[in-house]
Amino acid sequence: MTQRSGAFGVLLKIAEDEHTSWRAVQLAGQGIALYAFANRAMASGKTTLSGQELAHKLIAEEELLEDLESDWRSYEDGDLSSDDLVARLEAFVSGFREHYPEEANS
């Protein structure tokens, strides 16, 4: 499983978990939409970024995805509260949205 597909699975788990707050479900939904947009944008090959800029973008995204998976494991283990999970999801969505501001206009 790739990092991206693993994070997609985490977003689905958050959305379907009966113990997460409604806000966490909303943020997971936004994350799913951003994930889909990012994958379509990358697959289209339409980028104005240089190779170095693209590499930096992908590395930053992978770090966000790794953090999301780690946060979910911490939540499942009881080491992260529901409020903290929401804060981490907000940071994930905000961070990912910074990489795809055009998503907000589509």
PDB file of N, CA and C in Angstrom:
ATOM      1  N   MET A   1       0.850  -1.175   0.000  1.00  0.00           N
ATOM      2  CA  MET A   1       0.000   0.000   0.000  1.00  0.00           C
ATOM      3  C   MET A   1       0.891   1.233   0.000  1.00  0.00           C
ATOM      4  N   THR A   2       0.593   2.175  -0.856  1.00  0.00           N
ATOM      5  CA  THR A   2       1.378   3.398  -0.901  1.00  0.00           C
ATOM      6  C   THR A   2       0.968   4.309   0.244  1.00  0.00           C
ATOM      7  N   GLN A   3       1.808   5.287   0.533  1.00  0.00           N
ATOM      8  CA  GLN A   3       1.499   6.239   1.590  1.00  0.00           C
ATOM      9  C   GLN A   3       0.179   6.944   1.301  1.00  0.00           C
ATOM     10  N   ARG A   4      -0.027   7.301   0.048  1.00  0.00           N
ATOM     11  CA  ARG A   4      -1.255   8.011  -0.299  1.00  0.00           C
ATOM     12  C   ARG A   4      -2.486   7.138  -0.092  1.00  0.00           C
ATOM     13  N   SER A   5      -2.425   5.896  -0.513  1.00  0.00           N
ATOM     14  CA  SER A   5      -3.610   5.048  -0.355  1.00  0.00           C
ATOM     15  C   SER A   5      -3.825   4.707   1.110  1.00  0.00           C
ATOM     16  N   GLY A   6      -2.731   4.612   1.898  1.00  0.00           N
ATOM     17  CA  GLY A   6      -2.872   4.382   3.326  1.00  0.00           C
ATOM     18  C   GLY A   6      -3.578   5.536   4.010  1.00  0.00           C
ATOM     19  N   ALA A   7      -3.220   6.744   3.632  1.00  0.00           N
ATOM     20  CA  ALA A   7      -3.861   7.927   4.216  1.00  0.00           C
ATOM     21  C   ALA A   7      -5.322   8.014   3.788  1.00  0.00           C
ATOM     22  N   PHE A   8      -5.616   7.625   2.566  1.00  0.00           N
ATOM     23  CA  PHE A   8      -7.004   7.609   2.109  1.00  0.00           C
ATOM     24  C   PHE A   8      -7.808   6.644   2.983  1.00  0.00           C
ATOM     25  N   GLY A   9      -7.214   5.494   3.277  1.00  0.00           N
ATOM     26  CA  GLY A   9      -7.876   4.532   4.153  1.00  0.00           C
ATOM     27  C   GLY A   9      -8.120   5.095   5.539  1.00  0.00           C
ATOM     28  N   VAL A  10      -7.169   5.863   6.054  1.00  0.00           N
ATOM     29  CA  VAL A  10      -7.332   6.493   7.369  1.00  0.00           C
ATOM     30  C   VAL A  10      -8.491   7.480   7.328  1.00  0.00           C
ATOM     31  N   LEU A  11      -8.573   8.272   6.281  1.00  0.00           N
ATOM     32  CA  LEU A  11      -9.678   9.236   6.170  1.00  0.00           C
ATOM     33  C   LEU A  11     -11.023   8.515   6.149  1.00  0.00           C
ATOM     34  N   LEU A  12     -11.091   7.394   5.454  1.00  0.00           N
ATOM     35  CA  LEU A  12     -12.333   6.605   5.442  1.00  0.00           C
ATOM     36  C   LEU A  12     -12.652   6.052   6.829  1.00  0.00           C
ATOM     37  N   LYS A  13     -11.634   5.577   7.532  1.00  0.00           N
ATOM     38  CA  LYS A  13     -11.842   5.061   8.890  1.00  0.00           C
ATOM     39  C   LYS A  13     -12.366   6.151   9.818  1.00  0.00           C
ATOM     40  N   ILE A  14     -11.803   7.342   9.698  1.00  0.00           N
ATOM     41  CA  ILE A  14     -12.253   8.456  10.528  1.00  0.00           C
ATOM     42  C   ILE A  14     -13.715   8.771  10.224  1.00  0.00           C
ATOM     43  N   ALA A  15     -14.044   8.815   8.950  1.00  0.00           N
ATOM     44  CA  ALA A  15     -15.405   9.158   8.545  1.00  0.00           C
ATOM     45  C   ALA A  15     -16.421   8.131   9.025  1.00  0.00           C
ATOM     46  N   GLU A  16     -16.029   6.868   9.115  1.00  0.00           N
ATOM     47  CA  GLU A  16     -16.994   5.835   9.494  1.00  0.00           C
ATOM     48  C   GLU A  16     -16.939   5.447  10.969  1.00  0.00           C
ATOM     49  N   ASP A  17     -15.958   5.953  11.706  1.00  0.00           N
ATOM     50  CA  ASP A  17     -15.827   5.593  13.116  1.00  0.00           C
ATOM     51  C   ASP A  17     -16.974   6.193  13.931  1.00  0.00           C
ATOM     52  N   GLU A  18     -17.621   5.359  14.718  1.00  0.00           N
ATOM     53  CA  GLU A  18     -18.791   5.829  15.469  1.00  0.00           C
ATOM     54  C   GLU A  18     -18.426   6.697  16.670  1.00  0.00           C
ATOM     55  N   HIS A  19     -17.147   6.754  17.019  1.00  0.00           N
ATOM     56  CA  HIS A  19     -16.728   7.531  18.177  1.00  0.00           C
ATOM     57  C   HIS A  19     -16.149   8.899  17.820  1.00  0.00           C
ATOM     58  N   THR A  20     -15.864   9.128  16.547  1.00  0.00           N
ATOM     59  CA  THR A  20     -15.319  10.435  16.172  1.00  0.00           C
ATOM     60  C   THR A  20     -16.444  11.468  16.136  1.00  0.00           C
ATOM     61  N   SER A  21     -16.068  12.697  16.365  1.00  0.00           N
ATOM     62  CA  SER A  21     -17.049  13.781  16.367  1.00  0.00           C
ATOM     63  C   SER A  21     -17.521  14.087  14.943  1.00  0.00           C
ATOM     64  N   TRP A  22     -18.644  14.787  14.861  1.00  0.00           N
ATOM     65  CA  TRP A  22     -19.148  15.187  13.558  1.00  0.00           C
ATOM     66  C   TRP A  22     -18.143  16.080  12.844  1.00  0.00           C
ATOM     67  N   ARG A  23     -17.456  16.923  13.580  1.00  0.00           N
ATOM     68  CA  ARG A  23     -16.437  17.803  12.977  1.00  0.00           C
ATOM     69  C   ARG A  23     -15.308  16.972  12.374  1.00  0.00           C
ATOM     70  N   ALA A  24     -14.902  15.898  13.046  1.00  0.00           N
ATOM     71  CA  ALA A  24     -13.860  15.022  12.501  1.00  0.00           C
ATOM     72  C   ALA A  24     -14.343  14.373  11.204  1.00  0.00           C
ATOM     73  N   VAL A  25     -15.609  13.982  11.169  1.00  0.00           N
ATOM     74  CA  VAL A  25     -16.183  13.379   9.957  1.00  0.00           C
ATOM     75  C   VAL A  25     -16.177  14.398   8.816  1.00  0.00           C
ATOM     76  N   GLN A  26     -16.563  15.631   9.113  1.00  0.00           N
ATOM     77  CA  GLN A  26     -16.548  16.686   8.095  1.00  0.00           C
ATOM     78  C   GLN A  26     -15.142  16.906   7.554  1.00  0.00           C
ATOM     79  N   LEU A  27     -14.175  16.981   8.442  1.00  0.00           N
ATOM     80  CA  LEU A  27     -12.793  17.199   8.018  1.00  0.00           C
ATOM     81  C   LEU A  27     -12.269  16.013   7.220  1.00  0.00           C
ATOM     82  N   ALA A  28     -12.634  14.802   7.622  1.00  0.00           N
ATOM     83  CA  ALA A  28     -12.231  13.625   6.853  1.00  0.00           C
ATOM     84  C   ALA A  28     -12.816  13.705   5.447  1.00  0.00           C
ATOM     85  N   GLY A  29     -14.063  14.158   5.329  1.00  0.00           N
ATOM     86  CA  GLY A  29     -14.684  14.336   4.017  1.00  0.00           C
ATOM     87  C   GLY A  29     -13.932  15.359   3.174  1.00  0.00           C
ATOM     88  N   GLN A  30     -13.532  16.452   3.788  1.00  0.00           N
ATOM     89  CA  GLN A  30     -12.741  17.449   3.070  1.00  0.00           C
ATOM     90  C   GLN A  30     -11.401  16.866   2.654  1.00  0.00           C
ATOM     91  N   GLY A  31     -10.820  16.070   3.535  1.00  0.00           N
ATOM     92  CA  GLY A  31      -9.555  15.415   3.211  1.00  0.00           C
ATOM     93  C   GLY A  31      -9.695  14.451   2.043  1.00  0.00           C
ATOM     94  N   ILE A  32     -10.799  13.710   1.997  1.00  0.00           N
ATOM     95  CA  ILE A  32     -11.059  12.790   0.883  1.00  0.00           C
ATOM     96  C   ILE A  32     -11.177  13.568  -0.420  1.00  0.00           C
ATOM     97  N   ALA A  33     -11.899  14.687  -0.379  1.00  0.00           N
ATOM     98  CA  ALA A  33     -12.049  15.511  -1.582  1.00  0.00           C
ATOM     99  C   ALA A  33     -10.696  16.071  -2.036  1.00  0.00           C
ATOM    100  N   LEU A  34      -9.887  16.541  -1.101  1.00  0.00           N
ATOM    101  CA  LEU A  34      -8.561  17.051  -1.441  1.00  0.00           C
ATOM    102  C   LEU A  34      -7.666  15.950  -1.986  1.00  0.00           C
ATOM    103  N   TYR A  35      -7.746  14.770  -1.390  1.00  0.00           N
ATOM    104  CA  TYR A  35      -6.969  13.624  -1.845  1.00  0.00           C
ATOM    105  C   TYR A  35      -7.320  13.303  -3.299  1.00  0.00           C
ATOM    106  N   ALA A  36      -8.616  13.265  -3.592  1.00  0.00           N
ATOM    107  CA  ALA A  36      -9.057  12.976  -4.962  1.00  0.00           C
ATOM    108  C   ALA A  36      -8.587  14.064  -5.924  1.00  0.00           C
ATOM    109  N   PHE A  37      -8.726  15.316  -5.521  1.00  0.00           N
ATOM    110  CA  PHE A  37      -8.302  16.421  -6.372  1.00  0.00           C
ATOM    111  C   PHE A  37      -6.802  16.343  -6.631  1.00  0.00           C
ATOM    112  N   ALA A  38      -6.020  16.074  -5.585  1.00  0.00           N
ATOM    113  CA  ALA A  38      -4.568  16.008  -5.722  1.00  0.00           C
ATOM    114  C   ALA A  38      -4.156  14.894  -6.676  1.00  0.00           C
ATOM    115  N   ASN A  39      -4.789  13.747  -6.542  1.00  0.00           N
ATOM    116  CA  ASN A  39      -4.448  12.627  -7.423  1.00  0.00           C
ATOM    117  C   ASN A  39      -4.826  12.905  -8.868  1.00  0.00           C
ATOM    118  N   ARG A  40      -5.961  13.548  -9.079  1.00  0.00           N
ATOM    119  CA  ARG A  40      -6.355  13.903 -10.447  1.00  0.00           C
ATOM    120  C   ARG A  40      -5.415  14.950 -11.018  1.00  0.00           C
ATOM    121  N   ALA A  41      -5.028  15.907 -10.193  1.00  0.00           N
ATOM    122  CA  ALA A  41      -4.115  16.959 -10.654  1.00  0.00           C
ATOM    123  C   ALA A  41      -2.759  16.367 -11.038  1.00  0.00           C
ATOM    124  N   MET A  42      -2.270  15.442 -10.228  1.00  0.00           N
ATOM    125  CA  MET A  42      -0.977  14.824 -10.517  1.00  0.00           C
ATOM    126  C   MET A  42      -1.069  13.942 -11.764  1.00  0.00           C
ATOM    127  N   ALA A  43      -2.152  13.211 -11.899  1.00  0.00           N
ATOM    128  CA  ALA A  43      -2.314  12.297 -13.038  1.00  0.00           C
ATOM    129  C   ALA A  43      -2.465  13.058 -14.352  1.00  0.00           C
ATOM    130  N   SER A  44      -3.001  14.277 -14.286  1.00  0.00           N
ATOM    131  CA  SER A  44      -3.223  15.037 -15.514  1.00  0.00           C
ATOM    132  C   SER A  44      -1.908  15.498 -16.136  1.00  0.00           C
ATOM    133  N   GLY A  45      -0.865  15.584 -15.303  1.00  0.00           N
ATOM    134  CA  GLY A  45       0.430  16.027 -15.805  1.00  0.00           C
ATOM    135  C   GLY A  45       0.494  17.512 -16.085  1.00  0.00           C
ATOM    136  N   LYS A  46      -0.572  18.223 -15.762  1.00  0.00           N
ATOM    137  CA  LYS A  46      -0.601  19.669 -16.002  1.00  0.00           C
ATOM    138  C   LYS A  46      -0.026  20.378 -14.786  1.00  0.00           C
ATOM    139  N   THR A  47       1.235  20.699 -14.855  1.00  0.00           N
ATOM    140  CA  THR A  47       1.870  21.410 -13.759  1.00  0.00           C
ATOM    141  C   THR A  47       2.820  22.456 -14.323  1.00  0.00           C
ATOM    142  N   THR A  48       2.908  23.541 -13.630  1.00  0.00           N
ATOM    143  CA  THR A  48       3.843  24.590 -14.022  1.00  0.00           C
ATOM    144  C   THR A  48       5.050  24.581 -13.099  1.00  0.00           C
ATOM    145  N   LEU A  49       5.139  23.554 -12.254  1.00  0.00           N
ATOM    146  CA  LEU A  49       6.230  23.473 -11.297  1.00  0.00           C
ATOM    147  C   LEU A  49       7.481  22.894 -11.946  1.00  0.00           C
ATOM    148  N   SER A  50       8.617  23.363 -11.485  1.00  0.00           N
ATOM    149  CA  SER A  50       9.883  22.765 -11.917  1.00  0.00           C
ATOM    150  C   SER A  50      10.018  21.406 -11.230  1.00  0.00           C
ATOM    151  N   GLY A  51      10.957  20.630 -11.650  1.00  0.00           N
ATOM    152  CA  GLY A  51      11.188  19.335 -11.024  1.00  0.00           C
ATOM    153  C   GLY A  51      11.489  19.458  -9.544  1.00  0.00           C
ATOM    154  N   GLN A  52      12.285  20.452  -9.181  1.00  0.00           N
ATOM    155  CA  GLN A  52      12.639  20.659  -7.782  1.00  0.00           C
ATOM    156  C   GLN A  52      11.415  21.106  -6.969  1.00  0.00           C
ATOM    157  N   GLU A  53      10.620  22.012  -7.523  1.00  0.00           N
ATOM    158  CA  GLU A  53       9.416  22.472  -6.827  1.00  0.00           C
ATOM    159  C   GLU A  53       8.435  21.318  -6.624  1.00  0.00           C
ATOM    160  N   LEU A  54       8.283  20.500  -7.641  1.00  0.00           N
ATOM    161  CA  LEU A  54       7.389  19.349  -7.539  1.00  0.00           C
ATOM    162  C   LEU A  54       7.889  18.377  -6.471  1.00  0.00           C
ATOM    163  N   ALA A  55       9.188  18.141  -6.439  1.00  0.00           N
ATOM    164  CA  ALA A  55       9.759  17.241  -5.426  1.00  0.00           C
ATOM    165  C   ALA A  55       9.496  17.773  -4.018  1.00  0.00           C
ATOM    166  N   HIS A  56       9.686  19.070  -3.803  1.00  0.00           N
ATOM    167  CA  HIS A  56       9.422  19.670  -2.491  1.00  0.00           C
ATOM    168  C   HIS A  56       7.949  19.532  -2.120  1.00  0.00           C
ATOM    169  N   LYS A  57       7.080  19.743  -3.082  1.00  0.00           N
ATOM    170  CA  LYS A  57       5.635  19.624  -2.843  1.00  0.00           C
ATOM    171  C   LYS A  57       5.281  18.201  -2.440  1.00  0.00           C
ATOM    172  N   LEU A  58       5.801  17.225  -3.158  1.00  0.00           N
ATOM    173  CA  LEU A  58       5.489  15.827  -2.867  1.00  0.00           C
ATOM    174  C   LEU A  58       6.042  15.404  -1.512  1.00  0.00           C
ATOM    175  N   ILE A  59       7.232  15.870  -1.168  1.00  0.00           N
ATOM    176  CA  ILE A  59       7.807  15.546   0.137  1.00  0.00           C
ATOM    177  C   ILE A  59       6.951  16.138   1.254  1.00  0.00           C
ATOM    178  N   ALA A  60       6.523  17.373   1.093  1.00  0.00           N
ATOM    179  CA  ALA A  60       5.676  18.015   2.102  1.00  0.00           C
ATOM    180  C   ALA A  60       4.343  17.276   2.240  1.00  0.00           C
ATOM    181  N   GLU A  61       3.778  16.846   1.126  1.00  0.00           N
ATOM    182  CA  GLU A  61       2.515  16.094   1.172  1.00  0.00           C
ATOM    183  C   GLU A  61       2.708  14.759   1.877  1.00  0.00           C
ATOM    184  N   GLU A  62       3.803  14.078   1.586  1.00  0.00           N
ATOM    185  CA  GLU A  62       4.072  12.786   2.230  1.00  0.00           C
ATOM    186  C   GLU A  62       4.205  12.962   3.740  1.00  0.00           C
ATOM    187  N   GLU A  63       4.812  14.053   4.172  1.00  0.00           N
ATOM    188  CA  GLU A  63       4.926  14.314   5.607  1.00  0.00           C
ATOM    189  C   GLU A  63       3.554  14.521   6.235  1.00  0.00           C
ATOM    190  N   LEU A  64       2.676  15.251   5.546  1.00  0.00           N
ATOM    191  CA  LEU A  64       1.311  15.434   6.039  1.00  0.00           C
ATOM    192  C   LEU A  64       0.590  14.093   6.133  1.00  0.00           C
ATOM    193  N   LEU A  65       0.757  13.262   5.123  1.00  0.00           N
ATOM    194  CA  LEU A  65       0.097  11.963   5.099  1.00  0.00           C
ATOM    195  C   LEU A  65       0.624  11.048   6.204  1.00  0.00           C
ATOM    196  N   GLU A  66       1.927  11.068   6.417  1.00  0.00           N
ATOM    197  CA  GLU A  66       2.520  10.269   7.495  1.00  0.00           C
ATOM    198  C   GLU A  66       2.004  10.729   8.854  1.00  0.00           C
ATOM    199  N   ASP A  67       1.928  12.045   9.036  1.00  0.00           N
ATOM    200  CA  ASP A  67       1.419  12.581  10.300  1.00  0.00           C
ATOM    201  C   ASP A  67      -0.029  12.156  10.520  1.00  0.00           C
ATOM    202  N   LEU A  68      -0.839  12.178   9.476  1.00  0.00           N
ATOM    203  CA  LEU A  68      -2.237  11.781   9.594  1.00  0.00           C
ATOM    204  C   LEU A  68      -2.352  10.331  10.045  1.00  0.00           C
ATOM    205  N   GLU A  69      -1.576   9.451   9.427  1.00  0.00           N
ATOM    206  CA  GLU A  69      -1.623   8.047   9.816  1.00  0.00           C
ATOM    207  C   GLU A  69      -1.160   7.852  11.259  1.00  0.00           C
ATOM    208  N   SER A  70      -0.129   8.561  11.650  1.00  0.00           N
ATOM    209  CA  SER A  70       0.370   8.481  13.023  1.00  0.00           C
ATOM    210  C   SER A  70      -0.673   8.998  14.016  1.00  0.00           C
ATOM    211  N   ASP A  71      -1.319  10.103  13.668  1.00  0.00           N
ATOM    212  CA  ASP A  71      -2.355  10.675  14.532  1.00  0.00           C
ATOM    213  C   ASP A  71      -3.516   9.696  14.706  1.00  0.00           C
ATOM    214  N   TRP A  72      -3.917   9.040  13.634  1.00  0.00           N
ATOM    215  CA  TRP A  72      -5.020   8.084  13.724  1.00  0.00           C
ATOM    216  C   TRP A  72      -4.637   6.909  14.625  1.00  0.00           C
ATOM    217  N   ARG A  73      -3.416   6.405  14.482  1.00  0.00           N
ATOM    218  CA  ARG A  73      -2.972   5.308  15.352  1.00  0.00           C
ATOM    219  C   ARG A  73      -2.993   5.752  16.818  1.00  0.00           C
ATOM    220  N   SER A  74      -2.545   6.972  17.067  1.00  0.00           N
ATOM    221  CA  SER A  74      -2.554   7.493  18.439  1.00  0.00           C
ATOM    222  C   SER A  74      -3.973   7.610  18.963  1.00  0.00           C
ATOM    223  N   TYR A  75      -4.889   8.030  18.119  1.00  0.00           N
ATOM    224  CA  TYR A  75      -6.290   8.137  18.523  1.00  0.00           C
ATOM    225  C   TYR A  75      -6.859   6.753  18.830  1.00  0.00           C
ATOM    226  N   GLU A  76      -6.588   5.801  17.954  1.00  0.00           N
ATOM    227  CA  GLU A  76      -7.077   4.433  18.170  1.00  0.00           C
ATOM    228  C   GLU A  76      -6.506   3.825  19.445  1.00  0.00           C
ATOM    229  N   ASP A  77      -5.267   4.153  19.760  1.00  0.00           N
ATOM    230  CA  ASP A  77      -4.608   3.625  20.959  1.00  0.00           C
ATOM    231  C   ASP A  77      -5.028   4.349  22.235  1.00  0.00           C
ATOM    232  N   GLY A  78      -5.819   5.423  22.095  1.00  0.00           N
ATOM    233  CA  GLY A  78      -6.263   6.189  23.251  1.00  0.00           C
ATOM    234  C   GLY A  78      -5.278   7.243  23.709  1.00  0.00           C
ATOM    235  N   ASP A  79      -4.250   7.472  22.914  1.00  0.00           N
ATOM    236  CA  ASP A  79      -3.237   8.461  23.271  1.00  0.00           C
ATOM    237  C   ASP A  79      -3.537   9.858  22.741  1.00  0.00           C
ATOM    238  N   LEU A  80      -4.587   9.987  21.951  1.00  0.00           N
ATOM    239  CA  LEU A  80      -4.965  11.271  21.357  1.00  0.00           C
ATOM    240  C   LEU A  80      -6.466  11.447  21.567  1.00  0.00           C
ATOM    241  N   SER A  81      -6.856  12.569  22.135  1.00  0.00           N
ATOM    242  CA  SER A  81      -8.277  12.820  22.399  1.00  0.00           C
ATOM    243  C   SER A  81      -9.015  13.170  21.114  1.00  0.00           C
ATOM    244  N   SER A  82     -10.323  13.135  21.192  1.00  0.00           N
ATOM    245  CA  SER A  82     -11.145  13.499  20.041  1.00  0.00           C
ATOM    246  C   SER A  82     -10.886  14.945  19.617  1.00  0.00           C
ATOM    247  N   ASP A  83     -10.760  15.840  20.602  1.00  0.00           N
ATOM    248  CA  ASP A  83     -10.482  17.246  20.288  1.00  0.00           C
ATOM    249  C   ASP A  83      -9.122  17.407  19.621  1.00  0.00           C
ATOM    250  N   ASP A  84      -8.143  16.639  20.103  1.00  0.00           N
ATOM    251  CA  ASP A  84      -6.816  16.702  19.495  1.00  0.00           C
ATOM    252  C   ASP A  84      -6.832  16.126  18.077  1.00  0.00           C
ATOM    253  N   LEU A  85      -7.624  15.077  17.865  1.00  0.00           N
ATOM    254  CA  LEU A  85      -7.752  14.513  16.521  1.00  0.00           C
ATOM    255  C   LEU A  85      -8.330  15.556  15.570  1.00  0.00           C
ATOM    256  N   VAL A  86      -9.335  16.277  16.021  1.00  0.00           N
ATOM    257  CA  VAL A  86      -9.934  17.327  15.187  1.00  0.00           C
ATOM    258  C   VAL A  86      -8.889  18.388  14.852  1.00  0.00           C
ATOM    259  N   ALA A  87      -8.112  18.799  15.835  1.00  0.00           N
ATOM    260  CA  ALA A  87      -7.077  19.811  15.585  1.00  0.00           C
ATOM    261  C   ALA A  87      -6.056  19.303  14.566  1.00  0.00           C
ATOM    262  N   ARG A  88      -5.678  18.051  14.665  1.00  0.00           N
ATOM    263  CA  ARG A  88      -4.712  17.464  13.717  1.00  0.00           C
ATOM    264  C   ARG A  88      -5.326  17.357  12.331  1.00  0.00           C
ATOM    265  N   LEU A  89      -6.612  17.010  12.259  1.00  0.00           N
ATOM    266  CA  LEU A  89      -7.290  16.945  10.958  1.00  0.00           C
ATOM    267  C   LEU A  89      -7.385  18.330  10.324  1.00  0.00           C
ATOM    268  N   GLU A  90      -7.666  19.335  11.142  1.00  0.00           N
ATOM    269  CA  GLU A  90      -7.707  20.708  10.626  1.00  0.00           C
ATOM    270  C   GLU A  90      -6.351  21.100  10.052  1.00  0.00           C
ATOM    271  N   ALA A  91      -5.280  20.728  10.750  1.00  0.00           N
ATOM    272  CA  ALA A  91      -3.933  21.028  10.256  1.00  0.00           C
ATOM    273  C   ALA A  91      -3.656  20.269   8.958  1.00  0.00           C
ATOM    274  N   PHE A  92      -4.101  19.025   8.875  1.00  0.00           N
ATOM    275  CA  PHE A  92      -3.907  18.228   7.665  1.00  0.00           C
ATOM    276  C   PHE A  92      -4.640  18.866   6.481  1.00  0.00           C
ATOM    277  N   VAL A  93      -5.913  19.176   6.668  1.00  0.00           N
ATOM    278  CA  VAL A  93      -6.703  19.761   5.579  1.00  0.00           C
ATOM    279  C   VAL A  93      -6.117  21.105   5.173  1.00  0.00           C
ATOM    280  N   SER A  94      -5.763  21.933   6.144  1.00  0.00           N
ATOM    281  CA  SER A  94      -5.173  23.239   5.839  1.00  0.00           C
ATOM    282  C   SER A  94      -3.853  23.085   5.099  1.00  0.00           C
ATOM    283  N   GLY A  95      -3.013  22.186   5.570  1.00  0.00           N
ATOM    284  CA  GLY A  95      -1.723  21.966   4.928  1.00  0.00           C
ATOM    285  C   GLY A  95      -1.861  21.435   3.521  1.00  0.00           C
ATOM    286  N   PHE A  96      -2.773  20.499   3.322  1.00  0.00           N
ATOM    287  CA  PHE A  96      -2.959  19.933   1.988  1.00  0.00           C
ATOM    288  C   PHE A  96      -3.576  20.975   1.057  1.00  0.00           C
ATOM    289  N   ARG A  97      -4.491  21.783   1.597  1.00  0.00           N
ATOM    290  CA  ARG A  97      -5.146  22.820   0.785  1.00  0.00           C
ATOM    291  C   ARG A  97      -4.128  23.864   0.314  1.00  0.00           C
ATOM    292  N   GLU A  98      -3.105  24.118   1.108  1.00  0.00           N
ATOM    293  CA  GLU A  98      -2.053  25.058   0.690  1.00  0.00           C
ATOM    294  C   GLU A  98      -1.383  24.597  -0.596  1.00  0.00           C
ATOM    295  N   HIS A  99      -1.323  23.296  -0.800  1.00  0.00           N
ATOM    296  CA  HIS A  99      -0.697  22.748  -2.003  1.00  0.00           C
ATOM    297  C   HIS A  99      -1.634  22.766  -3.207  1.00  0.00           C
ATOM    298  N   TYR A 100      -2.940  22.892  -2.940  1.00  0.00           N
ATOM    299  CA  TYR A 100      -3.925  22.862  -4.023  1.00  0.00           C
ATOM    300  C   TYR A 100      -4.963  23.974  -3.849  1.00  0.00           C
ATOM    301  N   PRO A 101      -4.530  25.231  -3.850  1.00  0.00           N
ATOM    302  CA  PRO A 101      -5.496  26.322  -3.668  1.00  0.00           C
ATOM    303  C   PRO A 101      -6.530  26.359  -4.779  1.00  0.00           C
ATOM    304  N   GLU A 102      -6.193  25.836  -5.949  1.00  0.00           N
ATOM    305  CA  GLU A 102      -7.146  25.839  -7.056  1.00  0.00           C
ATOM    306  C   GLU A 102      -8.334  24.921  -6.788  1.00  0.00           C
ATOM    307  N   GLU A 103      -8.195  23.988  -5.829  1.00  0.00           N
ATOM    308  CA  GLU A 103      -9.281  23.076  -5.492  1.00  0.00           C
ATOM    309  C   GLU A 103     -10.467  23.838  -4.945  1.00  0.00           C
ATOM    310  N   ALA A 104     -10.200  24.891  -4.202  1.00  0.00           N
ATOM    311  CA  ALA A 104     -11.280  25.683  -3.603  1.00  0.00           C
ATOM    312  C   ALA A 104     -12.141  26.351  -4.657  1.00  0.00           C
ATOM    313  N   ASN A 105     -11.582  26.557  -5.839  1.00  0.00           N
ATOM    314  CA  ASN A 105     -12.314  27.232  -6.914  1.00  0.00           C
ATOM    315  C   ASN A 105     -13.000  26.265  -7.878  1.00  0.00           C
ATOM    316  N   SER A 106     -12.857  24.984  -7.608  1.00  0.00           N
ATOM    317  CA  SER A 106     -13.448  24.036  -8.552  1.00  0.00           C
ATOM    318  C   SER A 106     -14.718  23.412  -8.004  1.00  0.00           C
TER     319      SER A 106
END
